[in-house]
Structure formats: structure tokens, C-alpha cells
Amino acid sequence: MNQTKIQHCVETLSMKGCAEVTRIIAALERGEPVADMLELTAGEKQATLDELKSIMAVYQARK
């Protein structure tokens, strides 16, 4: 698993804002492709999804 690719993807997606990240998380959970993640392996996609969920949980806790 390429941690650099995962981190880059998380950073790129995070810059799109909370509403878009929430939409991306939902799409990934439904098994839909996400344009910014097409080059990731299944494991890297899962790691990215887990990281995005973790970030959003912190954000939601601050509201």
C-alpha cells in the first residue's frame, strides 16, 4: 500500500470541502467509482475512505 498516494488523495479530496467529502464517502460506501481515486488499489481506496471518515468525525464533533 502506497501511503504517499493515500495521503495525497486525502489532501486533494479534503480541499473540496465538507459537503463534497460527505458525498464522496457515501459514493465509496455504495461501491461507486470516484474520479480522484481511480488509480488507487482497493486497499488504498479503503484506507483513504477510513481516513476521510476519521476526519469528518472530528469535524462533526466540533459542531
PDB file of N, CA and C in Angstrom:
ATOM      1  N   MET A   1       0.843  -1.171   0.000  1.00  0.00           N
ATOM      2  CA  MET A   1       0.000   0.000   0.000  1.00  0.00           C
ATOM      3  C   MET A   1       0.894   1.241   0.000  1.00  0.00           C
ATOM      4  N   ASN A   2       0.576   2.190  -0.861  1.00  0.00           N
ATOM      5  CA  ASN A   2       1.382   3.390  -1.005  1.00  0.00           C
ATOM      6  C   ASN A   2       0.796   4.514  -0.145  1.00  0.00           C
ATOM      7  N   GLN A   3       1.405   4.741   1.018  1.00  0.00           N
ATOM      8  CA  GLN A   3       0.909   5.752   1.952  1.00  0.00           C
ATOM      9  C   GLN A   3       0.971   7.160   1.362  1.00  0.00           C
ATOM     10  N   THR A   4       1.947   7.409   0.509  1.00  0.00           N
ATOM     11  CA  THR A   4       2.071   8.727  -0.113  1.00  0.00           C
ATOM     12  C   THR A   4       0.873   9.005  -1.008  1.00  0.00           C
ATOM     13  N   LYS A   5       0.476   8.006  -1.799  1.00  0.00           N
ATOM     14  CA  LYS A   5      -0.691   8.160  -2.670  1.00  0.00           C
ATOM     15  C   LYS A   5      -1.958   8.378  -1.843  1.00  0.00           C
ATOM     16  N   ILE A   6      -2.079   7.645  -0.749  1.00  0.00           N
ATOM     17  CA  ILE A   6      -3.249   7.770   0.118  1.00  0.00           C
ATOM     18  C   ILE A   6      -3.311   9.173   0.707  1.00  0.00           C
ATOM     19  N   GLN A   7      -2.200   9.634   1.255  1.00  0.00           N
ATOM     20  CA  GLN A   7      -2.166  10.959   1.878  1.00  0.00           C
ATOM     21  C   GLN A   7      -2.461  12.051   0.848  1.00  0.00           C
ATOM     22  N   HIS A   8      -1.889  11.921  -0.336  1.00  0.00           N
ATOM     23  CA  HIS A   8      -2.139  12.910  -1.387  1.00  0.00           C
ATOM     24  C   HIS A   8      -3.626  12.934  -1.751  1.00  0.00           C
ATOM     25  N   CYS A   9      -4.221  11.784  -1.874  1.00  0.00           N
ATOM     26  CA  CYS A   9      -5.637  11.693  -2.215  1.00  0.00           C
ATOM     27  C   CYS A   9      -6.503  12.307  -1.112  1.00  0.00           C
ATOM     28  N   VAL A  10      -6.201  12.000   0.135  1.00  0.00           N
ATOM     29  CA  VAL A  10      -6.947  12.569   1.264  1.00  0.00           C
ATOM     30  C   VAL A  10      -6.850  14.092   1.237  1.00  0.00           C
ATOM     31  N   GLU A  11      -5.659  14.616   1.021  1.00  0.00           N
ATOM     32  CA  GLU A  11      -5.473  16.068   0.978  1.00  0.00           C
ATOM     33  C   GLU A  11      -6.237  16.689  -0.183  1.00  0.00           C
ATOM     34  N   THR A  12      -6.163  16.064  -1.353  1.00  0.00           N
ATOM     35  CA  THR A  12      -6.860  16.577  -2.530  1.00  0.00           C
ATOM     36  C   THR A  12      -8.373  16.595  -2.306  1.00  0.00           C
ATOM     37  N   LEU A  13      -8.898  15.507  -1.784  1.00  0.00           N
ATOM     38  CA  LEU A  13     -10.338  15.426  -1.546  1.00  0.00           C
ATOM     39  C   LEU A  13     -10.774  16.377  -0.441  1.00  0.00           C
ATOM     40  N   SER A  14      -9.981  16.525   0.596  1.00  0.00           N
ATOM     41  CA  SER A  14     -10.328  17.405   1.707  1.00  0.00           C
ATOM     42  C   SER A  14     -10.444  18.863   1.269  1.00  0.00           C
ATOM     43  N   MET A  15      -9.668  19.246   0.285  1.00  0.00           N
ATOM     44  CA  MET A  15      -9.718  20.629  -0.199  1.00  0.00           C
ATOM     45  C   MET A  15     -11.037  20.933  -0.921  1.00  0.00           C
ATOM     46  N   LYS A  16     -11.810  19.914  -1.216  1.00  0.00           N
ATOM     47  CA  LYS A  16     -13.088  20.116  -1.901  1.00  0.00           C
ATOM     48  C   LYS A  16     -14.195  20.537  -0.955  1.00  0.00           C
ATOM     49  N   GLY A  17     -13.942  20.463   0.341  1.00  0.00           N
ATOM     50  CA  GLY A  17     -14.929  20.896   1.327  1.00  0.00           C
ATOM     51  C   GLY A  17     -15.722  19.750   1.923  1.00  0.00           C
ATOM     52  N   CYS A  18     -16.335  20.041   3.053  1.00  0.00           N
ATOM     53  CA  CYS A  18     -17.030  19.016   3.829  1.00  0.00           C
ATOM     54  C   CYS A  18     -18.204  18.388   3.080  1.00  0.00           C
ATOM     55  N   ALA A  19     -18.990  19.199   2.402  1.00  0.00           N
ATOM     56  CA  ALA A  19     -20.152  18.654   1.700  1.00  0.00           C
ATOM     57  C   ALA A  19     -19.718  17.671   0.618  1.00  0.00           C
ATOM     58  N   GLU A  20     -18.667  18.007  -0.115  1.00  0.00           N
ATOM     59  CA  GLU A  20     -18.185  17.118  -1.173  1.00  0.00           C
ATOM     60  C   GLU A  20     -17.548  15.861  -0.581  1.00  0.00           C
ATOM     61  N   VAL A  21     -16.818  15.998   0.508  1.00  0.00           N
ATOM     62  CA  VAL A  21     -16.216  14.824   1.153  1.00  0.00           C
ATOM     63  C   VAL A  21     -17.311  13.882   1.648  1.00  0.00           C
ATOM     64  N   THR A  22     -18.372  14.439   2.203  1.00  0.00           N
ATOM     65  CA  THR A  22     -19.500  13.620   2.657  1.00  0.00           C
ATOM     66  C   THR A  22     -20.114  12.873   1.479  1.00  0.00           C
ATOM     67  N   ARG A  23     -20.258  13.543   0.330  1.00  0.00           N
ATOM     68  CA  ARG A  23     -20.798  12.903  -0.874  1.00  0.00           C
ATOM     69  C   ARG A  23     -19.865  11.798  -1.360  1.00  0.00           C
ATOM     70  N   ILE A  24     -18.562  12.056  -1.307  1.00  0.00           N
ATOM     71  CA  ILE A  24     -17.574  11.072  -1.751  1.00  0.00           C
ATOM     72  C   ILE A  24     -17.589   9.843  -0.842  1.00  0.00           C
ATOM     73  N   ILE A  25     -17.681  10.065   0.452  1.00  0.00           N
ATOM     74  CA  ILE A  25     -17.753   8.946   1.394  1.00  0.00           C
ATOM     75  C   ILE A  25     -18.963   8.076   1.073  1.00  0.00           C
ATOM     76  N   ALA A  26     -20.107   8.698   0.855  1.00  0.00           N
ATOM     77  CA  ALA A  26     -21.326   7.947   0.534  1.00  0.00           C
ATOM     78  C   ALA A  26     -21.148   7.164  -0.768  1.00  0.00           C
ATOM     79  N   ALA A  27     -20.550   7.792  -1.770  1.00  0.00           N
ATOM     80  CA  ALA A  27     -20.326   7.110  -3.053  1.00  0.00           C
ATOM     81  C   ALA A  27     -19.417   5.901  -2.866  1.00  0.00           C
ATOM     82  N   LEU A  28     -18.344   6.072  -2.113  1.00  0.00           N
ATOM     83  CA  LEU A  28     -17.419   4.959  -1.872  1.00  0.00           C
ATOM     84  C   LEU A  28     -18.104   3.819  -1.125  1.00  0.00           C
ATOM     85  N   GLU A  29     -18.933   4.165  -0.161  1.00  0.00           N
ATOM     86  CA  GLU A  29     -19.640   3.125   0.594  1.00  0.00           C
ATOM     87  C   GLU A  29     -20.634   2.365  -0.272  1.00  0.00           C
ATOM     88  N   ARG A  30     -21.109   3.006  -1.331  1.00  0.00           N
ATOM     89  CA  ARG A  30     -22.013   2.325  -2.273  1.00  0.00           C
ATOM     90  C   ARG A  30     -21.231   1.571  -3.347  1.00  0.00           C
ATOM     91  N   GLY A  31     -19.905   1.682  -3.312  1.00  0.00           N
ATOM     92  CA  GLY A  31     -19.071   0.989  -4.293  1.00  0.00           C
ATOM     93  C   GLY A  31     -18.935   1.723  -5.610  1.00  0.00           C
ATOM     94  N   GLU A  32     -19.309   2.987  -5.643  1.00  0.00           N
ATOM     95  CA  GLU A  32     -19.226   3.777  -6.868  1.00  0.00           C
ATOM     96  C   GLU A  32     -17.803   4.295  -7.072  1.00  0.00           C
ATOM     97  N   PRO A  33     -17.384   4.453  -8.308  1.00  0.00           N
ATOM     98  CA  PRO A  33     -16.047   4.997  -8.566  1.00  0.00           C
ATOM     99  C   PRO A  33     -15.994   6.488  -8.251  1.00  0.00           C
ATOM    100  N   VAL A  34     -14.838   6.924  -7.801  1.00  0.00           N
ATOM    101  CA  VAL A  34     -14.591   8.339  -7.527  1.00  0.00           C
ATOM    102  C   VAL A  34     -13.404   8.748  -8.388  1.00  0.00           C
ATOM    103  N   ALA A  35     -13.598   9.767  -9.210  1.00  0.00           N
ATOM    104  CA  ALA A  35     -12.604  10.163 -10.205  1.00  0.00           C
ATOM    105  C   ALA A  35     -11.207  10.348  -9.621  1.00  0.00           C
ATOM    106  N   ASP A  36     -11.104  10.974  -8.475  1.00  0.00           N
ATOM    107  CA  ASP A  36      -9.794  11.244  -7.879  1.00  0.00           C
ATOM    108  C   ASP A  36      -9.115   9.997  -7.318  1.00  0.00           C
ATOM    109  N   MET A  37      -9.814   8.880  -7.321  1.00  0.00           N
ATOM    110  CA  MET A  37      -9.280   7.667  -6.703  1.00  0.00           C
ATOM    111  C   MET A  37      -9.116   6.507  -7.677  1.00  0.00           C
ATOM    112  N   LEU A  38      -9.268   6.759  -8.968  1.00  0.00           N
ATOM    113  CA  LEU A  38      -9.246   5.670  -9.942  1.00  0.00           C
ATOM    114  C   LEU A  38      -7.915   4.928  -9.991  1.00  0.00           C
ATOM    115  N   GLU A  39      -6.827   5.583  -9.652  1.00  0.00           N
ATOM    116  CA  GLU A  39      -5.504   4.948  -9.722  1.00  0.00           C
ATOM    117  C   GLU A  39      -5.116   4.214  -8.446  1.00  0.00           C
ATOM    118  N   LEU A  40      -5.975   4.254  -7.431  1.00  0.00           N
ATOM    119  CA  LEU A  40      -5.664   3.584  -6.171  1.00  0.00           C
ATOM    120  C   LEU A  40      -6.092   2.118  -6.222  1.00  0.00           C
ATOM    121  N   THR A  41      -5.373   1.289  -5.490  1.00  0.00           N
ATOM    122  CA  THR A  41      -5.772  -0.107  -5.340  1.00  0.00           C
ATOM    123  C   THR A  41      -6.979  -0.169  -4.404  1.00  0.00           C
ATOM    124  N   ALA A  42      -7.613  -1.309  -4.323  1.00  0.00           N
ATOM    125  CA  ALA A  42      -8.756  -1.474  -3.423  1.00  0.00           C
ATOM    126  C   ALA A  42      -8.358  -1.171  -1.980  1.00  0.00           C
ATOM    127  N   GLY A  43      -7.190  -1.639  -1.568  1.00  0.00           N
ATOM    128  CA  GLY A  43      -6.719  -1.380  -0.211  1.00  0.00           C
ATOM    129  C   GLY A  43      -6.453   0.091   0.042  1.00  0.00           C
ATOM    130  N   GLU A  44      -5.895   0.758  -0.954  1.00  0.00           N
ATOM    131  CA  GLU A  44      -5.623   2.194  -0.828  1.00  0.00           C
ATOM    132  C   GLU A  44      -6.928   2.987  -0.791  1.00  0.00           C
ATOM    133  N   LYS A  45      -7.912   2.554  -1.563  1.00  0.00           N
ATOM    134  CA  LYS A  45      -9.225   3.209  -1.523  1.00  0.00           C
ATOM    135  C   LYS A  45      -9.854   3.060  -0.149  1.00  0.00           C
ATOM    136  N   GLN A  46      -9.748   1.863   0.416  1.00  0.00           N
ATOM    137  CA  GLN A  46     -10.316   1.635   1.746  1.00  0.00           C
ATOM    138  C   GLN A  46      -9.599   2.481   2.793  1.00  0.00           C
ATOM    139  N   ALA A  47      -8.285   2.556   2.714  1.00  0.00           N
ATOM    140  CA  ALA A  47      -7.516   3.368   3.656  1.00  0.00           C
ATOM    141  C   ALA A  47      -7.876   4.841   3.518  1.00  0.00           C
ATOM    142  N   THR A  48      -8.075   5.296   2.286  1.00  0.00           N
ATOM    143  CA  THR A  48      -8.479   6.684   2.049  1.00  0.00           C
ATOM    144  C   THR A  48      -9.864   6.927   2.620  1.00  0.00           C
ATOM    145  N   LEU A  49     -10.777   6.004   2.387  1.00  0.00           N
ATOM    146  CA  LEU A  49     -12.129   6.111   2.936  1.00  0.00           C
ATOM    147  C   LEU A  49     -12.082   6.181   4.459  1.00  0.00           C
ATOM    148  N   ASP A  50     -11.317   5.312   5.075  1.00  0.00           N
ATOM    149  CA  ASP A  50     -11.202   5.305   6.535  1.00  0.00           C
ATOM    150  C   ASP A  50     -10.671   6.639   7.057  1.00  0.00           C
ATOM    151  N   GLU A  51      -9.676   7.182   6.373  1.00  0.00           N
ATOM    152  CA  GLU A  51      -9.095   8.463   6.785  1.00  0.00           C
ATOM    153  C   GLU A  51     -10.104   9.593   6.616  1.00  0.00           C
ATOM    154  N   LEU A  52     -10.826   9.611   5.510  1.00  0.00           N
ATOM    155  CA  LEU A  52     -11.837  10.642   5.301  1.00  0.00           C
ATOM    156  C   LEU A  52     -12.928  10.566   6.367  1.00  0.00           C
ATOM    157  N   LYS A  53     -13.345   9.356   6.710  1.00  0.00           N
ATOM    158  CA  LYS A  53     -14.357   9.189   7.750  1.00  0.00           C
ATOM    159  C   LYS A  53     -13.843   9.693   9.101  1.00  0.00           C
ATOM    160  N   SER A  54     -12.584   9.422   9.382  1.00  0.00           N
ATOM    161  CA  SER A  54     -11.973   9.879  10.625  1.00  0.00           C
ATOM    162  C   SER A  54     -11.936  11.408  10.683  1.00  0.00           C
ATOM    163  N   ILE A  55     -11.556  12.022   9.586  1.00  0.00           N
ATOM    164  CA  ILE A  55     -11.505  13.482   9.519  1.00  0.00           C
ATOM    165  C   ILE A  55     -12.901  14.069   9.717  1.00  0.00           C
ATOM    166  N   MET A  56     -13.879  13.499   9.043  1.00  0.00           N
ATOM    167  CA  MET A  56     -15.234  14.023   9.153  1.00  0.00           C
ATOM    168  C   MET A  56     -15.808  13.811  10.550  1.00  0.00           C
ATOM    169  N   ALA A  57     -15.427  12.742  11.211  1.00  0.00           N
ATOM    170  CA  ALA A  57     -15.899  12.511  12.588  1.00  0.00           C
ATOM    171  C   ALA A  57     -15.379  13.607  13.504  1.00  0.00           C
ATOM    172  N   VAL A  58     -14.154  14.023  13.325  1.00  0.00           N
ATOM    173  CA  VAL A  58     -13.591  15.119  14.130  1.00  0.00           C
ATOM    174  C   VAL A  58     -14.339  16.410  13.818  1.00  0.00           C
ATOM    175  N   TYR A  59     -14.559  16.656  12.539  1.00  0.00           N
ATOM    176  CA  TYR A  59     -15.278  17.860  12.130  1.00  0.00           C
ATOM    177  C   TYR A  59     -16.683  17.880  12.735  1.00  0.00           C
ATOM    178  N   GLN A  60     -17.389  16.772  12.656  1.00  0.00           N
ATOM    179  CA  GLN A  60     -18.743  16.692  13.189  1.00  0.00           C
ATOM    180  C   GLN A  60     -18.776  16.885  14.707  1.00  0.00           C
ATOM    181  N   ALA A  61     -17.752  16.389  15.391  1.00  0.00           N
ATOM    182  CA  ALA A  61     -17.682  16.522  16.845  1.00  0.00           C
ATOM    183  C   ALA A  61     -17.500  17.979  17.268  1.00  0.00           C
ATOM    184  N   ARG A  62     -16.931  18.793  16.395  1.00  0.00           N
ATOM    185  CA  ARG A  62     -16.693  20.208  16.709  1.00  0.00           C
ATOM    186  C   ARG A  62     -17.917  21.079  16.500  1.00  0.00           C
ATOM    187  N   LYS A  63     -18.914  20.563  15.792  1.00  0.00           N
ATOM    188  CA  LYS A  63     -20.115  21.365  15.506  1.00  0.00           C
ATOM    189  C   LYS A  63     -20.945  21.589  16.737  1.00  0.00           C
TER     190      LYS A  63
END
